[in-house]
Amino acid sequence: MRRADGWRLPSPVLVLGAIASVQLGAALAKPSFDRTGPVGMVMLRLAVGALVLLAVARPRLRGRGRGELLPVLAFGAVLAGMNTSFYGAIDRIPIGIAVTIEFSGPLAVAVAGSRRLLDGVWVVLAAAGVVLLTRGGGGSLDPLGLGLAGVAGLGWACYILLSQRVGRGYPGVEGLALATAVAAVLVAPAGVAQAGGALADWRVLLVGLGVGLLSAAIPYSLEIEALRRLPARVFGVLMSLEPAVGALAGLVVLGEALRSHEVLAIALVCVASAGAAWAGRVTPRD
């Protein structure tokens, strides 16, 4: 993995590549939940990501003070909580819907602190999309799944802010590698308990390897590099296609067809994010 100054791809391309990778990984992981449980697959995902990133980055802890290590520990805790909540959500509701609700986190980061009336319009538009998802289906969506998606959204907001700080304090992906290892350790006890004997099946491990690469190692590396160049607010709004890509992955890989009001809700959130993205490009960060 090259250092940040060695990357040649534009930051938006890195972000879009991360979006496609992580949504494909989630779609591939879901069919295995019957055997591993959501937490078991999260453990495999984070373990693979940690091993790959540690091997690439070879981070050094010697000489680093408490002020440098504490953000990594916090980042790892956020990764553990965000991934566990999201996988718990997609176990209960379609991926596209879970991603749309989760997306409230980065959208909040995008408009945080803004005093412009137009940014308020984008927030209202996104909120309308979320309300349409949660109340427009006659109560057919699992309430716990919706709640877990909301928790994942809060974790995503924290992830954006912490990953920017960690990325600036560590060269390459050293900080990311350490944080992913922390997350894997935190999730391991519950993951082993939930997956049980499925961890001895080579097919489950193979799926875990693919999910780990697609959902952790590849997208996190791309995002951490993008965040070195982008303010947290701009990064958040560049993720405007995330709900649509999640819905597409769910449809193509899992056959999760959405109803018309759900498609409309996802479109509202994407439009809100795109509008905020335009403002973010022309206005400096507060």
C-alpha atoms as a PDB file:
ATOM      1  CA  MET A   1       0.000   0.000   0.000  1.00  0.00           C
ATOM      2  CA  ARG A   2       1.482   3.309  -0.990  1.00  0.00           C
ATOM      3  CA  ARG A   3       1.595   6.291   1.292  1.00  0.00           C
ATOM      4  CA  ALA A   4      -1.060   8.947   0.845  1.00  0.00           C
ATOM      5  CA  ASP A   5       1.139  11.035  -1.414  1.00  0.00           C
ATOM      6  CA  GLY A   6       1.627   8.040  -3.727  1.00  0.00           C
ATOM      7  CA  TRP A   7      -2.012   7.620  -4.664  1.00  0.00           C
ATOM      8  CA  ARG A   8      -2.902   8.834  -8.136  1.00  0.00           C
ATOM      9  CA  LEU A   9      -6.626   8.170  -8.244  1.00  0.00           C
ATOM     10  CA  PRO A  10      -8.855  11.161  -7.429  1.00  0.00           C
ATOM     11  CA  SER A  11     -10.401  11.106  -3.968  1.00  0.00           C
ATOM     12  CA  PRO A  12     -13.988  10.731  -5.294  1.00  0.00           C
ATOM     13  CA  VAL A  13     -12.957   7.592  -7.183  1.00  0.00           C
ATOM     14  CA  LEU A  14     -11.522   6.131  -3.980  1.00  0.00           C
ATOM     15  CA  VAL A  15     -14.765   6.832  -2.131  1.00  0.00           C
ATOM     16  CA  LEU A  16     -16.965   5.334  -4.871  1.00  0.00           C
ATOM     17  CA  GLY A  17     -14.769   2.247  -5.045  1.00  0.00           C
ATOM     18  CA  ALA A  18     -15.140   1.820  -1.296  1.00  0.00           C
ATOM     19  CA  ILE A  19     -18.933   2.120  -1.575  1.00  0.00           C
ATOM     20  CA  ALA A  20     -19.210  -0.594  -4.224  1.00  0.00           C
ATOM     21  CA  SER A  21     -16.852  -2.919  -2.371  1.00  0.00           C
ATOM     22  CA  VAL A  22     -18.508  -2.682   1.041  1.00  0.00           C
ATOM     23  CA  GLN A  23     -22.049  -3.141  -0.304  1.00  0.00           C
ATOM     24  CA  LEU A  24     -21.062  -6.184  -2.336  1.00  0.00           C
ATOM     25  CA  GLY A  25     -19.393  -7.619   0.748  1.00  0.00           C
ATOM     26  CA  ALA A  26     -22.530  -7.107   2.836  1.00  0.00           C
ATOM     27  CA  ALA A  27     -24.692  -8.786   0.192  1.00  0.00           C
ATOM     28  CA  LEU A  28     -22.357 -11.778   0.082  1.00  0.00           C
ATOM     29  CA  ALA A  29     -22.262 -12.029   3.884  1.00  0.00           C
ATOM     30  CA  LYS A  30     -26.013 -12.113   4.533  1.00  0.00           C
ATOM     31  CA  PRO A  31     -26.736 -15.659   3.255  1.00  0.00           C
ATOM     32  CA  SER A  32     -24.221 -17.018   5.784  1.00  0.00           C
ATOM     33  CA  PHE A  33     -25.999 -15.517   8.806  1.00  0.00           C
ATOM     34  CA  ASP A  34     -28.028 -18.716   9.242  1.00  0.00           C
ATOM     35  CA  ARG A  35     -24.802 -20.527  10.065  1.00  0.00           C
ATOM     36  CA  THR A  36     -22.552 -17.917  11.664  1.00  0.00           C
ATOM     37  CA  GLY A  37     -25.007 -15.346  12.927  1.00  0.00           C
ATOM     38  CA  PRO A  38     -24.443 -11.662  12.153  1.00  0.00           C
ATOM     39  CA  VAL A  39     -21.839 -11.207  14.896  1.00  0.00           C
ATOM     40  CA  GLY A  40     -19.927 -14.300  13.808  1.00  0.00           C
ATOM     41  CA  MET A  41     -19.637 -12.905  10.282  1.00  0.00           C
ATOM     42  CA  VAL A  42     -18.624  -9.496  11.646  1.00  0.00           C
ATOM     43  CA  MET A  43     -15.835 -11.230  13.548  1.00  0.00           C
ATOM     44  CA  LEU A  44     -14.596 -12.973  10.393  1.00  0.00           C
ATOM     45  CA  ARG A  45     -14.875  -9.744   8.420  1.00  0.00           C
ATOM     46  CA  LEU A  46     -12.845  -7.749  10.933  1.00  0.00           C
ATOM     47  CA  ALA A  47     -10.315 -10.541  11.554  1.00  0.00           C
ATOM     48  CA  VAL A  48      -9.524 -10.844   7.844  1.00  0.00           C
ATOM     49  CA  GLY A  49      -9.364  -7.085   7.459  1.00  0.00           C
ATOM     50  CA  ALA A  50      -7.041  -6.778  10.450  1.00  0.00           C
ATOM     51  CA  LEU A  51      -4.677  -9.515   9.245  1.00  0.00           C
ATOM     52  CA  VAL A  52      -4.405  -8.012   5.762  1.00  0.00           C
ATOM     53  CA  LEU A  53      -3.928  -4.469   6.972  1.00  0.00           C
ATOM     54  CA  LEU A  54      -1.408  -5.436   9.661  1.00  0.00           C
ATOM     55  CA  ALA A  55       0.604  -7.412   7.124  1.00  0.00           C
ATOM     56  CA  VAL A  56       0.629  -4.470   4.723  1.00  0.00           C
ATOM     57  CA  ALA A  57       1.177  -1.639   7.183  1.00  0.00           C
ATOM     58  CA  ARG A  58       3.368  -3.310   9.839  1.00  0.00           C
ATOM     59  CA  PRO A  59       2.527  -0.589  12.342  1.00  0.00           C
ATOM     60  CA  ARG A  60       4.932   0.348  15.110  1.00  0.00           C
ATOM     61  CA  LEU A  61       3.708   1.222  18.575  1.00  0.00           C
ATOM     62  CA  ARG A  62       7.094   2.029  20.085  1.00  0.00           C
ATOM     63  CA  GLY A  63       7.504   5.683  20.882  1.00  0.00           C
ATOM     64  CA  ARG A  64       3.830   6.545  20.583  1.00  0.00           C
ATOM     65  CA  GLY A  65       2.238   8.296  23.523  1.00  0.00           C
ATOM     66  CA  ARG A  66      -1.167   8.022  25.084  1.00  0.00           C
ATOM     67  CA  GLY A  67      -2.520  10.850  22.948  1.00  0.00           C
ATOM     68  CA  GLU A  68      -1.773   8.825  19.812  1.00  0.00           C
ATOM     69  CA  LEU A  69      -3.014   5.469  21.102  1.00  0.00           C
ATOM     70  CA  LEU A  70      -6.330   6.504  22.633  1.00  0.00           C
ATOM     71  CA  PRO A  71      -7.831   7.658  19.294  1.00  0.00           C
ATOM     72  CA  VAL A  72      -6.933   4.273  17.799  1.00  0.00           C
ATOM     73  CA  LEU A  73      -8.682   2.455  20.648  1.00  0.00           C
ATOM     74  CA  ALA A  74     -11.741   4.675  20.238  1.00  0.00           C
ATOM     75  CA  PHE A  75     -11.675   4.116  16.480  1.00  0.00           C
ATOM     76  CA  GLY A  76     -11.556   0.351  17.023  1.00  0.00           C
ATOM     77  CA  ALA A  77     -14.515   0.461  19.408  1.00  0.00           C
ATOM     78  CA  VAL A  78     -16.516   2.465  16.862  1.00  0.00           C
ATOM     79  CA  LEU A  79     -15.669   0.001  14.088  1.00  0.00           C
ATOM     80  CA  ALA A  80     -16.820  -2.894  16.263  1.00  0.00           C
ATOM     81  CA  GLY A  81     -20.102  -1.236  17.179  1.00  0.00           C
ATOM     82  CA  MET A  82     -20.844   0.073  13.696  1.00  0.00           C
ATOM     83  CA  ASN A  83     -20.282  -3.258  11.958  1.00  0.00           C
ATOM     84  CA  THR A  84     -22.151  -5.299  14.562  1.00  0.00           C
ATOM     85  CA  SER A  85     -25.159  -2.972  14.438  1.00  0.00           C
ATOM     86  CA  PHE A  86     -25.251  -2.887  10.652  1.00  0.00           C
ATOM     87  CA  TYR A  87     -25.034  -6.657  10.212  1.00  0.00           C
ATOM     88  CA  GLY A  88     -27.706  -7.074  12.866  1.00  0.00           C
ATOM     89  CA  ALA A  89     -29.871  -4.675  10.857  1.00  0.00           C
ATOM     90  CA  ILE A  90     -29.451  -6.377   7.485  1.00  0.00           C
ATOM     91  CA  ASP A  91     -30.294  -9.696   9.143  1.00  0.00           C
ATOM     92  CA  ARG A  92     -33.769  -8.241   9.741  1.00  0.00           C
ATOM     93  CA  ILE A  93     -34.415  -5.728   6.942  1.00  0.00           C
ATOM     94  CA  PRO A  94     -33.285  -5.351   3.290  1.00  0.00           C
ATOM     95  CA  ILE A  95     -29.784  -4.009   2.751  1.00  0.00           C
ATOM     96  CA  GLY A  96     -30.937  -0.984   0.762  1.00  0.00           C
ATOM     97  CA  ILE A  97     -33.249   0.140   3.561  1.00  0.00           C
ATOM     98  CA  ALA A  98     -30.623  -0.451   6.258  1.00  0.00           C
ATOM     99  CA  VAL A  99     -28.022   1.564   4.354  1.00  0.00           C
ATOM    100  CA  THR A 100     -30.477   4.399   3.758  1.00  0.00           C
ATOM    101  CA  ILE A 101     -31.216   4.738   7.481  1.00  0.00           C
ATOM    102  CA  GLU A 102     -27.552   4.269   8.380  1.00  0.00           C
ATOM    103  CA  PHE A 103     -26.708   7.061   5.965  1.00  0.00           C
ATOM    104  CA  SER A 104     -28.230   9.598   8.346  1.00  0.00           C
ATOM    105  CA  GLY A 105     -24.864   9.504  10.129  1.00  0.00           C
ATOM    106  CA  PRO A 106     -22.612  10.812   7.342  1.00  0.00           C
ATOM    107  CA  LEU A 107     -25.319  13.203   6.177  1.00  0.00           C
ATOM    108  CA  ALA A 108     -25.411  14.700   9.666  1.00  0.00           C
ATOM    109  CA  VAL A 109     -21.634  15.154   9.515  1.00  0.00           C
ATOM    110  CA  ALA A 110     -22.016  16.812   6.125  1.00  0.00           C
ATOM    111  CA  VAL A 111     -24.346  19.560   7.356  1.00  0.00           C
ATOM    112  CA  ALA A 112     -23.198  19.819  10.973  1.00  0.00           C
ATOM    113  CA  GLY A 113     -22.603  23.383  12.016  1.00  0.00           C
ATOM    114  CA  SER A 114     -24.100  24.852   8.865  1.00  0.00           C
ATOM    115  CA  ARG A 115     -26.298  27.937   9.232  1.00  0.00           C
ATOM    116  CA  ARG A 116     -27.537  27.995   5.646  1.00  0.00           C
ATOM    117  CA  LEU A 117     -31.216  27.583   5.028  1.00  0.00           C
ATOM    118  CA  LEU A 118     -30.533  25.388   2.004  1.00  0.00           C
ATOM    119  CA  ASP A 119     -28.708  22.817   4.129  1.00  0.00           C
ATOM    120  CA  GLY A 120     -31.806  22.684   6.313  1.00  0.00           C
ATOM    121  CA  VAL A 121     -33.797  21.798   3.200  1.00  0.00           C
ATOM    122  CA  TRP A 122     -31.512  18.827   2.526  1.00  0.00           C
ATOM    123  CA  VAL A 123     -31.917  17.618   6.095  1.00  0.00           C
ATOM    124  CA  VAL A 124     -35.702  17.831   5.848  1.00  0.00           C
ATOM    125  CA  LEU A 125     -35.643  15.982   2.522  1.00  0.00           C
ATOM    126  CA  ALA A 126     -33.503  13.188   3.954  1.00  0.00           C
ATOM    127  CA  ALA A 127     -35.679  12.995   7.055  1.00  0.00           C
ATOM    128  CA  ALA A 128     -38.746  12.661   4.830  1.00  0.00           C
ATOM    129  CA  GLY A 129     -37.095   9.712   3.098  1.00  0.00           C
ATOM    130  CA  VAL A 130     -36.331   7.987   6.397  1.00  0.00           C
ATOM    131  CA  VAL A 131     -39.874   8.575   7.684  1.00  0.00           C
ATOM    132  CA  LEU A 132     -41.281   7.198   4.436  1.00  0.00           C
ATOM    133  CA  LEU A 133     -39.196   4.064   4.898  1.00  0.00           C
ATOM    134  CA  THR A 134     -40.117   3.481   8.510  1.00  0.00           C
ATOM    135  CA  ARG A 135     -43.794   4.450   8.347  1.00  0.00           C
ATOM    136  CA  GLY A 136     -44.806   3.939   4.740  1.00  0.00           C
ATOM    137  CA  GLY A 137     -44.912   0.166   4.735  1.00  0.00           C
ATOM    138  CA  GLY A 138     -47.717  -0.461   7.170  1.00  0.00           C
ATOM    139  CA  GLY A 139     -45.378  -1.553   9.951  1.00  0.00           C
ATOM    140  CA  SER A 140     -43.987  -4.465   7.930  1.00  0.00           C
ATOM    141  CA  LEU A 141     -40.332  -3.685   8.679  1.00  0.00           C
ATOM    142  CA  ASP A 142     -38.707  -5.168  11.771  1.00  0.00           C
ATOM    143  CA  PRO A 143     -38.473  -2.396  14.425  1.00  0.00           C
ATOM    144  CA  LEU A 144     -35.281  -3.825  15.907  1.00  0.00           C
ATOM    145  CA  GLY A 145     -33.698  -3.907  12.462  1.00  0.00           C
ATOM    146  CA  LEU A 146     -34.599  -0.255  11.936  1.00  0.00           C
ATOM    147  CA  GLY A 147     -33.193   0.660  15.343  1.00  0.00           C
ATOM    148  CA  LEU A 148     -29.939  -1.180  14.700  1.00  0.00           C
ATOM    149  CA  ALA A 149     -29.579   0.649  11.382  1.00  0.00           C
ATOM    150  CA  GLY A 150     -29.965   3.927  13.272  1.00  0.00           C
ATOM    151  CA  VAL A 151     -27.262   2.895  15.744  1.00  0.00           C
ATOM    152  CA  ALA A 152     -25.021   2.019  12.807  1.00  0.00           C
ATOM    153  CA  GLY A 153     -25.647   5.511  11.429  1.00  0.00           C
ATOM    154  CA  LEU A 154     -24.418   7.074  14.667  1.00  0.00           C
ATOM    155  CA  GLY A 155     -21.362   4.842  14.503  1.00  0.00           C
ATOM    156  CA  TRP A 156     -20.731   5.885  10.907  1.00  0.00           C
ATOM    157  CA  ALA A 157     -20.727   9.547  11.887  1.00  0.00           C
ATOM    158  CA  CYS A 158     -18.156   8.832  14.606  1.00  0.00           C
ATOM    159  CA  TYR A 159     -16.159   6.717  12.148  1.00  0.00           C
ATOM    160  CA  ILE A 160     -15.811   9.632   9.723  1.00  0.00           C
ATOM    161  CA  LEU A 161     -14.518  11.983  12.385  1.00  0.00           C
ATOM    162  CA  LEU A 162     -12.206   9.503  14.109  1.00  0.00           C
ATOM    163  CA  SER A 163     -10.764   8.023  10.926  1.00  0.00           C
ATOM    164  CA  GLN A 164      -9.788  11.488   9.756  1.00  0.00           C
ATOM    165  CA  ARG A 165      -7.919  12.130  12.994  1.00  0.00           C
ATOM    166  CA  VAL A 166      -6.254   8.704  13.024  1.00  0.00           C
ATOM    167  CA  GLY A 167      -5.359   8.935   9.337  1.00  0.00           C
ATOM    168  CA  ARG A 168      -3.505  12.203   9.900  1.00  0.00           C
ATOM    169  CA  GLY A 169      -1.590  10.859  12.877  1.00  0.00           C
ATOM    170  CA  TYR A 170      -0.310   7.619  11.358  1.00  0.00           C
ATOM    171  CA  PRO A 171       1.476   7.039   8.044  1.00  0.00           C
ATOM    172  CA  GLY A 172      -0.161   4.889   5.402  1.00  0.00           C
ATOM    173  CA  VAL A 173      -2.835   2.665   6.899  1.00  0.00           C
ATOM    174  CA  GLU A 174      -1.036   1.981  10.187  1.00  0.00           C
ATOM    175  CA  GLY A 175      -3.732   3.557  12.319  1.00  0.00           C
ATOM    176  CA  LEU A 176      -6.485   1.798  10.415  1.00  0.00           C
ATOM    177  CA  ALA A 177      -4.739  -1.554  10.799  1.00  0.00           C
ATOM    178  CA  LEU A 178      -4.412  -1.115  14.555  1.00  0.00           C
ATOM    179  CA  ALA A 179      -8.026   0.032  14.932  1.00  0.00           C
ATOM    180  CA  THR A 180      -9.338  -2.908  12.901  1.00  0.00           C
ATOM    181  CA  ALA A 181      -7.342  -5.297  15.087  1.00  0.00           C
ATOM    182  CA  VAL A 182      -8.850  -3.686  18.192  1.00  0.00           C
ATOM    183  CA  ALA A 183     -12.331  -4.069  16.699  1.00  0.00           C
ATOM    184  CA  ALA A 184     -11.732  -7.745  15.878  1.00  0.00           C
ATOM    185  CA  VAL A 185     -10.605  -8.455  19.446  1.00  0.00           C
ATOM    186  CA  LEU A 186     -13.644  -6.690  20.902  1.00  0.00           C
ATOM    187  CA  VAL A 187     -16.084  -8.637  18.717  1.00  0.00           C
ATOM    188  CA  ALA A 188     -14.336 -12.030  19.007  1.00  0.00           C
ATOM    189  CA  PRO A 189     -15.969 -13.377  22.220  1.00  0.00           C
ATOM    190  CA  ALA A 190     -19.534 -12.798  21.001  1.00  0.00           C
ATOM    191  CA  GLY A 191     -18.617 -13.844  17.459  1.00  0.00           C
ATOM    192  CA  VAL A 192     -17.162 -17.190  18.524  1.00  0.00           C
ATOM    193  CA  ALA A 193     -20.142 -17.846  20.783  1.00  0.00           C
ATOM    194  CA  GLN A 194     -22.626 -17.133  17.999  1.00  0.00           C
ATOM    195  CA  ALA A 195     -20.838 -18.914  15.132  1.00  0.00           C
ATOM    196  CA  GLY A 196     -19.835 -21.983  17.137  1.00  0.00           C
ATOM    197  CA  GLY A 197     -18.949 -25.039  15.041  1.00  0.00           C
ATOM    198  CA  ALA A 198     -19.527 -23.180  11.760  1.00  0.00           C
ATOM    199  CA  LEU A 199     -16.027 -21.749  12.159  1.00  0.00           C
ATOM    200  CA  ALA A 200     -14.633 -25.204  11.388  1.00  0.00           C
ATOM    201  CA  ASP A 201     -16.294 -25.259   7.949  1.00  0.00           C
ATOM    202  CA  TRP A 202     -13.868 -24.219   5.190  1.00  0.00           C
ATOM    203  CA  ARG A 203     -16.751 -22.843   3.102  1.00  0.00           C
ATOM    204  CA  VAL A 204     -17.753 -20.478   5.881  1.00  0.00           C
ATOM    205  CA  LEU A 205     -14.140 -19.392   6.283  1.00  0.00           C
ATOM    206  CA  LEU A 206     -13.868 -18.806   2.532  1.00  0.00           C
ATOM    207  CA  VAL A 207     -16.942 -16.568   2.602  1.00  0.00           C
ATOM    208  CA  GLY A 208     -15.470 -14.775   5.602  1.00  0.00           C
ATOM    209  CA  LEU A 209     -12.261 -14.197   3.672  1.00  0.00           C
ATOM    210  CA  GLY A 210     -14.111 -12.671   0.732  1.00  0.00           C
ATOM    211  CA  VAL A 211     -16.320 -10.553   2.963  1.00  0.00           C
ATOM    212  CA  GLY A 212     -13.328  -9.374   4.956  1.00  0.00           C
ATOM    213  CA  LEU A 213     -11.500  -8.240   1.843  1.00  0.00           C
ATOM    214  CA  LEU A 214     -14.521  -6.592   0.237  1.00  0.00           C
ATOM    215  CA  SER A 215     -16.056  -5.063   3.360  1.00  0.00           C
ATOM    216  CA  ALA A 216     -13.050  -4.175   5.505  1.00  0.00           C
ATOM    217  CA  ALA A 217      -9.561  -4.256   4.031  1.00  0.00           C
ATOM    218  CA  ILE A 218     -10.335  -2.748   0.614  1.00  0.00           C
ATOM    219  CA  PRO A 219     -12.941  -0.061   1.455  1.00  0.00           C
ATOM    220  CA  TYR A 220     -11.316   1.069   4.705  1.00  0.00           C
ATOM    221  CA  SER A 221      -7.993   1.508   2.931  1.00  0.00           C
ATOM    222  CA  LEU A 222      -9.617   3.526   0.155  1.00  0.00           C
ATOM    223  CA  GLU A 223     -11.574   5.662   2.613  1.00  0.00           C
ATOM    224  CA  ILE A 224      -8.644   6.423   4.891  1.00  0.00           C
ATOM    225  CA  GLU A 225      -6.661   7.670   1.902  1.00  0.00           C
ATOM    226  CA  ALA A 226      -9.582   9.798   0.710  1.00  0.00           C
ATOM    227  CA  LEU A 227     -10.040  11.265   4.180  1.00  0.00           C
ATOM    228  CA  ARG A 228      -6.434  12.471   4.204  1.00  0.00           C
ATOM    229  CA  ARG A 229      -7.334  14.892   1.431  1.00  0.00           C
ATOM    230  CA  LEU A 230     -10.979  15.651   2.207  1.00  0.00           C
ATOM    231  CA  PRO A 231     -12.624  17.417   5.158  1.00  0.00           C
ATOM    232  CA  ALA A 232     -15.005  15.148   7.066  1.00  0.00           C
ATOM    233  CA  ARG A 233     -17.947  17.205   5.784  1.00  0.00           C
ATOM    234  CA  VAL A 234     -17.021  16.769   2.121  1.00  0.00           C
ATOM    235  CA  PHE A 235     -16.311  13.076   2.578  1.00  0.00           C
ATOM    236  CA  GLY A 236     -19.749  12.626   4.097  1.00  0.00           C
ATOM    237  CA  VAL A 237     -21.563  14.178   1.185  1.00  0.00           C
ATOM    238  CA  LEU A 238     -19.581  12.222  -1.403  1.00  0.00           C
ATOM    239  CA  MET A 239     -21.243   9.107  -0.039  1.00  0.00           C
ATOM    240  CA  SER A 240     -24.570  10.149  -1.592  1.00  0.00           C
ATOM    241  CA  LEU A 241     -24.766   7.031  -3.753  1.00  0.00           C
ATOM    242  CA  GLU A 242     -24.373   4.634  -0.826  1.00  0.00           C
ATOM    243  CA  PRO A 243     -28.116   3.914  -0.308  1.00  0.00           C
ATOM    244  CA  ALA A 244     -28.700   3.354  -4.018  1.00  0.00           C
ATOM    245  CA  VAL A 245     -25.695   1.048  -4.331  1.00  0.00           C
ATOM    246  CA  GLY A 246     -26.832  -0.888  -1.264  1.00  0.00           C
ATOM    247  CA  ALA A 247     -30.285  -1.346  -2.763  1.00  0.00           C
ATOM    248  CA  LEU A 248     -28.761  -2.465  -6.077  1.00  0.00           C
ATOM    249  CA  ALA A 249     -26.497  -4.989  -4.329  1.00  0.00           C
ATOM    250  CA  GLY A 250     -29.448  -6.362  -2.391  1.00  0.00           C
ATOM    251  CA  LEU A 251     -31.500  -6.711  -5.570  1.00  0.00           C
ATOM    252  CA  VAL A 252     -28.803  -8.276  -7.759  1.00  0.00           C
ATOM    253  CA  VAL A 253     -27.170 -10.587  -5.215  1.00  0.00           C
ATOM    254  CA  LEU A 254     -30.081 -11.406  -2.884  1.00  0.00           C
ATOM    255  CA  GLY A 255     -33.203 -10.650  -4.921  1.00  0.00           C
ATOM    256  CA  GLU A 256     -34.372  -8.050  -2.369  1.00  0.00           C
ATOM    257  CA  ALA A 257     -36.883  -6.162  -4.491  1.00  0.00           C
ATOM    258  CA  LEU A 258     -38.119  -2.926  -2.974  1.00  0.00           C
ATOM    259  CA  ARG A 259     -41.598  -1.429  -3.127  1.00  0.00           C
ATOM    260  CA  SER A 260     -42.279   1.862  -4.854  1.00  0.00           C
ATOM    261  CA  HIS A 261     -42.399   3.949  -1.678  1.00  0.00           C
ATOM    262  CA  GLU A 262     -39.087   2.429  -0.536  1.00  0.00           C
ATOM    263  CA  VAL A 263     -37.431   3.303  -3.845  1.00  0.00           C
ATOM    264  CA  LEU A 264     -38.788   6.838  -3.518  1.00  0.00           C
ATOM    265  CA  ALA A 265     -37.457   7.109   0.031  1.00  0.00           C
ATOM    266  CA  ILE A 266     -33.986   6.002  -1.039  1.00  0.00           C
ATOM    267  CA  ALA A 267     -34.092   8.500  -3.909  1.00  0.00           C
ATOM    268  CA  LEU A 268     -35.004  11.308  -1.496  1.00  0.00           C
ATOM    269  CA  VAL A 269     -32.003  10.542   0.693  1.00  0.00           C
ATOM    270  CA  CYS A 270     -29.677  10.370  -2.319  1.00  0.00           C
ATOM    271  CA  VAL A 271     -30.976  13.679  -3.673  1.00  0.00           C
ATOM    272  CA  ALA A 272     -30.577  15.299  -0.263  1.00  0.00           C
ATOM    273  CA  SER A 273     -26.988  14.128  -0.076  1.00  0.00           C
ATOM    274  CA  ALA A 274     -26.225  15.233  -3.624  1.00  0.00           C
ATOM    275  CA  GLY A 275     -27.591  18.688  -2.831  1.00  0.00           C
ATOM    276  CA  ALA A 276     -25.463  18.907   0.277  1.00  0.00           C
ATOM    277  CA  ALA A 277     -22.479  17.691  -1.760  1.00  0.00           C
ATOM    278  CA  TRP A 278     -22.826  20.577  -4.181  1.00  0.00           C
ATOM    279  CA  ALA A 279     -22.823  23.060  -1.318  1.00  0.00           C
ATOM    280  CA  GLY A 280     -19.887  21.283   0.290  1.00  0.00           C
ATOM    281  CA  ARG A 281     -17.766  21.725  -2.821  1.00  0.00           C
ATOM    282  CA  VAL A 282     -18.165  25.481  -2.949  1.00  0.00           C
ATOM    283  CA  THR A 283     -18.121  26.303   0.752  1.00  0.00           C
ATOM    284  CA  PRO A 284     -15.071  25.885   3.005  1.00  0.00           C
ATOM    285  CA  ARG A 285     -15.390  23.740   6.115  1.00  0.00           C
ATOM    286  CA  ASP A 286     -16.409  25.697   9.205  1.00  0.00           C
END
